[in-house]
Amino acid sequence: MFPALDISSSALTAQRLRMDAIAGNIANVSTTRNGQGEAIPYQPKFVIFATDNSIQNADGAEGVRVQSVETAQVEPRYKFQPGHPDAAKQGPHQGYVAYPNIDMTTEMVDALEASRAYEANVGVVEMSKSMIQQALRIVA
């Protein structure tokens, strides 16, 4: 009914999912085991956005959707900790523990960007709502 609200709502959902992925990356910055308890470090995740053609106005402005949540395929960061239970027992990384290769600075910048995008879309929703209320006052 109000495409601006639908478009901004789609962006709010997309940015929230992006923030979920970032929060997971930050929460697992030191996770050395997977969900099955195997010594496989956490792999950071990131979201891929795509335009959503099902949400658009008459002028062609389109909404956004999360196309997928991808897992980064990056080498782990090795830290020498021979007494750690997850330290490699043999091989070239003997005595090293594999940690997720997550750059906290990048994650924080991404979180800030997602937060600002979310705020901007909330602002658009508020402005659209105000315009709709003013239009109803004129008509009524």
Foldseek 3Di string as FASTA:
>chain_A
DDLLLVQLVQLLVALVVQLVLLVVCVVQQFAQADPVRDRHAAFRKGWDKDWDPVRDDPVGDTHIHTPDIDTDDDFFDWDQAQVDPQADCDDPRHRIRGYYPDDVVVSVVSNVVSVVSNVVSVVSNVVVVVVVVVVVVVVD
